[in-house]
Amino acid sequence: MKIKENIISAINNCSDTSILNQIYNDTLKRNDNLQKSYNDWTNQQTGEVFDLHMRSMMYEDLFDDMCMAKSSIMGKYLDTPQGSLKEDTYYLSIDAHYYKFIVTETTQNGETDIFERTIKINPQFVDDQNIILHEMIHAHEHILSLVNPLLKETLIVELYKHLFPKFKDLDCIIYNHANISHNSDLAELGGYHGLLFMLKSLDLDFRCRNEPFTIFGYDYNRTFAELNLI
C-alpha cells in the first residue's frame, strides 16, 4: 500500500474524535495555513524579495544531495534491492515546503525559523550568496527531518566520504566541531549547527570555490586555520 492509502485507511477506521481533531489541527490545518501564508507572500513580493526568491531557486542545484537527485551522492539510495523511489527534487525543495524569504533587520546576518518557515535576510546581505546559502542549509535540514530523519544520517556518511579526500584533517575538524562545550557555546550564539550543517557548508564552499568555512561563518575559517587543520 502507498503512504496516502495507508493514511486514508487509518483515518476511515478511526472513531476517536479527539485523535481526528488532533490530526486535523496538527497536520492538515497547519499545512493549509502554511500554504495560504506562502501564497500571500508570493503575491505580495517586492522587487527585492522577488529577486532574492529567484536567486534561491537557482541555488537549489547546489542542494542536489539534500533533494535526493539521482545525479547526486544520494542518488544511489533511490534504487536499491529493497525497492525504488521516483526522483522528485521539487518535493524536497524549500519552495515545496512553503519557506518564505523576508528582507528585514535581524540580530544576525540571517535567521531561519523552521516553525514559521521563514528565512530572514538582513538588508545589507541581501546579495550575499554565502549568507543565503547558510540559511538554506538550515531549511533543507529541517525538510529532511520532516520527510525522514534517516536521510540526514545517510547524508552525513555520504558527505564525509565525499569530502575526506579534499580535507586530509577532516576527522580532526569533526572532533573539534563536535566538542560538547564548544558546540553548546555556538548554539547559544547562533542556534544549532550540527555535523550535517558543517559538512554541507564545506561542500558548498568547495562547489562555490570559497575558502573553507566561508559559508559556515562564526569565525570558523580563522579558528581552524590557527589549528592548522585547513
Protein backbone atom coordinates (compact mmCIF):
# COMPACT_ATOMS: atom_id res chain seq x y z
CA MET A 1 0.00 0.00 0.00
CA LYS A 2 1.09 3.53 -0.63
CA ILE A 3 1.52 6.03 2.22
CA LYS A 4 -1.51 8.07 1.11
CA GLU A 5 -3.71 4.95 1.05
CA ASN A 6 -2.46 3.91 4.49
CA ILE A 7 -3.30 7.31 5.95
CA ILE A 8 -6.77 7.39 4.39
CA SER A 9 -7.47 3.86 5.62
CA ALA A 10 -6.32 4.72 9.17
CA ILE A 11 -8.49 7.85 9.26
CA ASN A 12 -11.54 5.95 7.93
CA ASN A 13 -11.11 3.33 10.65
CA CYS A 14 -10.60 5.85 13.47
CA SER A 15 -13.64 6.51 15.66
CA ASP A 16 -11.90 8.65 18.29
CA THR A 17 -12.93 12.28 17.64
CA SER A 18 -10.08 13.68 19.76
CA ILE A 19 -7.49 11.87 17.60
CA LEU A 20 -9.15 13.07 14.40
CA ASN A 21 -9.19 16.65 15.73
CA GLN A 22 -5.52 16.35 16.62
CA ILE A 23 -4.66 15.11 13.12
CA TYR A 24 -6.60 17.98 11.58
CA ASN A 25 -5.22 20.72 13.80
CA ASP A 26 -1.61 19.50 13.96
CA THR A 27 -1.19 18.48 10.34
CA LEU A 28 -3.93 19.36 7.85
CA LYS A 29 -4.90 22.76 9.23
CA ARG A 30 -1.26 23.73 9.80
CA ASN A 31 -0.41 22.75 6.24
CA ASP A 32 -3.33 24.82 4.94
CA ASN A 33 -2.15 27.81 6.96
CA LEU A 34 1.43 27.44 5.70
CA GLN A 35 0.22 27.18 2.11
CA LYS A 36 -2.01 30.25 2.46
CA SER A 37 0.83 32.23 4.02
CA TYR A 38 3.17 31.16 1.22
CA ASN A 39 0.64 32.09 -1.48
CA ASP A 40 0.06 35.51 0.12
CA TRP A 41 3.83 36.02 0.22
CA THR A 42 4.32 35.16 -3.46
CA ASN A 43 1.50 37.53 -4.45
CA GLN A 44 2.85 40.43 -2.37
CA GLN A 45 6.57 40.18 -3.08
CA THR A 46 8.53 43.38 -3.53
CA GLY A 47 11.08 43.52 -6.33
CA GLU A 48 13.86 42.95 -3.82
CA VAL A 49 12.21 39.86 -2.34
CA PHE A 50 11.32 38.54 -5.79
CA ASP A 51 14.97 38.76 -6.87
CA LEU A 52 16.05 37.03 -3.67
CA HIS A 53 13.47 34.30 -4.20
CA MET A 54 14.59 33.70 -7.78
CA ARG A 55 18.22 33.57 -6.70
CA SER A 56 17.41 30.97 -4.05
CA MET A 57 15.68 28.82 -6.64
CA MET A 58 18.83 28.93 -8.77
CA TYR A 59 20.88 27.90 -5.73
CA GLU A 60 18.75 24.76 -5.25
CA ASP A 61 21.03 22.95 -7.73
CA LEU A 62 23.74 23.18 -5.05
CA PHE A 63 21.46 21.14 -2.78
CA ASP A 64 21.00 18.25 -5.20
CA ASP A 65 22.10 15.82 -2.48
CA MET A 66 19.60 17.19 0.05
CA CYS A 67 16.90 16.99 -2.66
CA MET A 68 17.81 13.36 -3.45
CA ALA A 69 18.69 13.99 -7.11
CA LYS A 70 19.69 10.86 -9.00
CA SER A 71 22.89 12.51 -10.17
CA SER A 72 23.95 13.41 -6.61
CA ILE A 73 25.88 11.44 -3.98
CA MET A 74 22.48 10.41 -2.58
CA GLY A 75 21.09 9.19 -5.89
CA LYS A 76 22.02 5.55 -5.27
CA TYR A 77 19.51 5.40 -2.41
CA LEU A 78 16.64 5.90 -4.86
CA ASP A 79 17.22 2.47 -6.35
CA THR A 80 18.19 -0.37 -4.00
CA PRO A 81 17.48 -4.13 -3.88
CA GLN A 82 14.84 -3.35 -1.23
CA GLY A 83 12.88 -1.08 -3.57
CA SER A 84 12.97 2.01 -5.73
CA LEU A 85 11.75 5.57 -5.31
CA LYS A 86 10.90 8.06 -8.03
CA GLU A 87 13.17 11.09 -8.23
CA ASP A 88 11.27 14.22 -7.16
CA THR A 89 13.68 17.01 -6.30
CA TYR A 90 10.93 19.65 -6.12
CA TYR A 91 9.23 17.73 -3.31
CA LEU A 92 12.34 18.31 -1.18
CA SER A 93 12.85 21.95 -2.19
CA ILE A 94 12.33 24.88 0.16
CA ASP A 95 9.50 26.19 -2.03
CA ALA A 96 7.60 22.92 -1.80
CA HIS A 97 7.74 23.26 2.00
CA TYR A 98 6.49 26.86 1.92
CA TYR A 99 9.66 28.64 3.02
CA LYS A 100 9.43 32.40 2.55
CA PHE A 101 12.29 34.88 2.25
CA ILE A 102 11.93 38.13 4.18
CA VAL A 103 14.28 41.09 3.97
CA THR A 104 14.36 42.71 7.39
CA GLU A 105 16.69 43.88 10.14
CA THR A 106 17.91 40.88 12.14
CA THR A 107 20.24 40.37 15.08
CA GLN A 108 22.28 38.01 12.88
CA ASN A 109 23.14 38.31 9.19
CA GLY A 110 20.29 35.90 8.54
CA GLU A 111 17.79 33.88 10.56
CA THR A 112 15.77 30.76 9.71
CA ASP A 113 12.56 29.95 11.57
CA ILE A 114 11.55 26.35 10.88
CA PHE A 115 8.18 26.79 12.59
CA GLU A 116 7.09 29.86 10.65
CA ARG A 117 9.01 28.64 7.56
CA THR A 118 10.75 31.98 7.11
CA ILE A 119 14.28 32.85 6.07
CA LYS A 120 15.11 36.39 7.15
CA ILE A 121 18.00 38.15 5.48
CA ASN A 122 19.44 41.41 6.78
CA PRO A 123 19.11 44.12 4.06
CA GLN A 124 22.86 44.64 3.86
CA PHE A 125 23.35 40.94 2.99
CA VAL A 126 20.52 40.52 0.51
CA ASP A 127 23.04 39.98 -2.31
CA ASP A 128 25.44 37.86 -0.25
CA GLN A 129 25.40 34.33 -1.66
CA ASN A 130 27.19 32.88 1.36
CA ILE A 131 24.63 34.21 3.85
CA ILE A 132 21.73 32.97 1.73
CA LEU A 133 23.28 29.51 1.34
CA HIS A 134 23.96 29.33 5.09
CA GLU A 135 20.27 29.85 5.83
CA MET A 136 19.20 27.47 3.07
CA ILE A 137 21.19 24.68 4.74
CA HIS A 138 19.09 25.20 7.89
CA ALA A 139 15.88 24.99 5.86
CA HIS A 140 16.95 21.87 3.99
CA GLU A 141 18.00 20.15 7.22
CA HIS A 142 14.51 20.78 8.56
CA ILE A 143 12.90 19.40 5.40
CA LEU A 144 14.91 16.17 5.63
CA SER A 145 13.84 15.83 9.27
CA LEU A 146 10.20 16.13 8.22
CA VAL A 147 10.48 13.62 5.38
CA ASN A 148 12.68 11.01 7.08
CA PRO A 149 15.42 11.69 9.67
CA LEU A 150 17.34 8.70 8.30
CA LEU A 151 18.09 10.79 5.20
CA LYS A 152 20.06 13.21 7.37
CA GLU A 153 22.12 10.41 8.90
CA THR A 154 22.79 8.87 5.49
CA LEU A 155 23.78 12.22 4.02
CA ILE A 156 26.32 12.74 6.82
CA VAL A 157 28.00 9.47 5.80
CA GLU A 158 27.99 10.35 2.09
CA LEU A 159 29.26 13.90 2.62
CA TYR A 160 32.02 12.58 4.86
CA LYS A 161 33.15 10.12 2.16
CA HIS A 162 32.89 12.84 -0.48
CA LEU A 163 34.85 15.45 1.48
CA PHE A 164 37.51 13.25 3.06
CA PRO A 165 39.82 13.28 0.01
CA LYS A 166 39.61 17.08 -0.09
CA PHE A 167 40.30 17.69 3.62
CA LYS A 168 43.03 15.42 4.99
CA ASP A 169 42.31 16.56 8.55
CA LEU A 170 38.54 16.12 8.31
CA ASP A 171 38.47 13.77 11.31
CA CYS A 172 40.20 16.38 13.47
CA ILE A 173 37.87 19.08 12.17
CA ILE A 174 34.87 16.96 13.19
CA TYR A 175 36.43 16.23 16.58
CA ASN A 176 36.88 19.95 17.31
CA HIS A 177 33.47 20.95 15.97
CA ALA A 178 31.69 18.24 17.96
CA ASN A 179 33.28 19.24 21.28
CA ILE A 180 30.24 19.43 23.55
CA SER A 181 31.26 22.59 25.41
CA HIS A 182 32.22 24.39 22.20
CA ASN A 183 29.05 23.38 20.37
CA SER A 184 26.88 24.47 23.31
CA ASP A 185 28.51 27.90 23.18
CA LEU A 186 27.96 28.03 19.42
CA ALA A 187 24.29 27.09 19.84
CA GLU A 188 23.79 29.94 22.31
CA LEU A 189 25.44 32.34 19.89
CA GLY A 190 23.66 31.39 16.68
CA GLY A 191 21.49 28.31 17.08
CA TYR A 192 22.12 24.68 16.27
CA HIS A 193 24.87 23.90 13.77
CA GLY A 194 25.40 20.15 13.84
CA LEU A 195 27.67 17.81 11.94
CA LEU A 196 25.46 17.71 8.85
CA PHE A 197 25.39 21.51 8.70
CA MET A 198 29.17 21.73 8.95
CA LEU A 199 29.81 19.09 6.29
CA LYS A 200 27.27 20.59 3.89
CA SER A 201 28.75 24.06 4.38
CA LEU A 202 32.19 22.68 3.44
CA ASP A 203 30.68 21.01 0.39
CA LEU A 204 29.12 24.31 -0.69
CA ASP A 205 32.41 26.14 -0.10
CA PHE A 206 34.13 23.65 -2.39
CA ARG A 207 31.44 23.99 -5.06
CA CYS A 208 31.47 27.80 -4.86
CA ARG A 209 35.29 27.93 -4.78
CA ASN A 210 35.29 29.62 -1.38
CA GLU A 211 37.87 29.30 1.33
CA PRO A 212 36.80 26.56 3.81
CA PHE A 213 34.22 27.67 6.39
CA THR A 214 33.25 30.81 4.46
CA ILE A 215 29.60 29.74 4.42
CA PHE A 216 29.66 28.31 7.94
CA GLY A 217 30.77 31.65 9.39
CA TYR A 218 31.23 32.25 13.11
CA ASP A 219 34.94 32.86 12.52
CA TYR A 220 35.46 29.15 11.82
CA ASN A 221 37.90 29.82 8.98
CA ARG A 222 40.26 31.62 11.40
CA THR A 223 39.72 29.05 14.17
CA PHE A 224 40.65 26.06 12.04
CA ALA A 225 43.44 27.90 10.25
CA GLU A 226 45.05 28.59 13.64
CA LEU A 227 44.75 24.86 14.42
CA ASN A 228 46.48 24.12 11.09
CA LEU A 229 43.53 21.98 10.01
CA ILE A 230 42.72 23.88 6.79
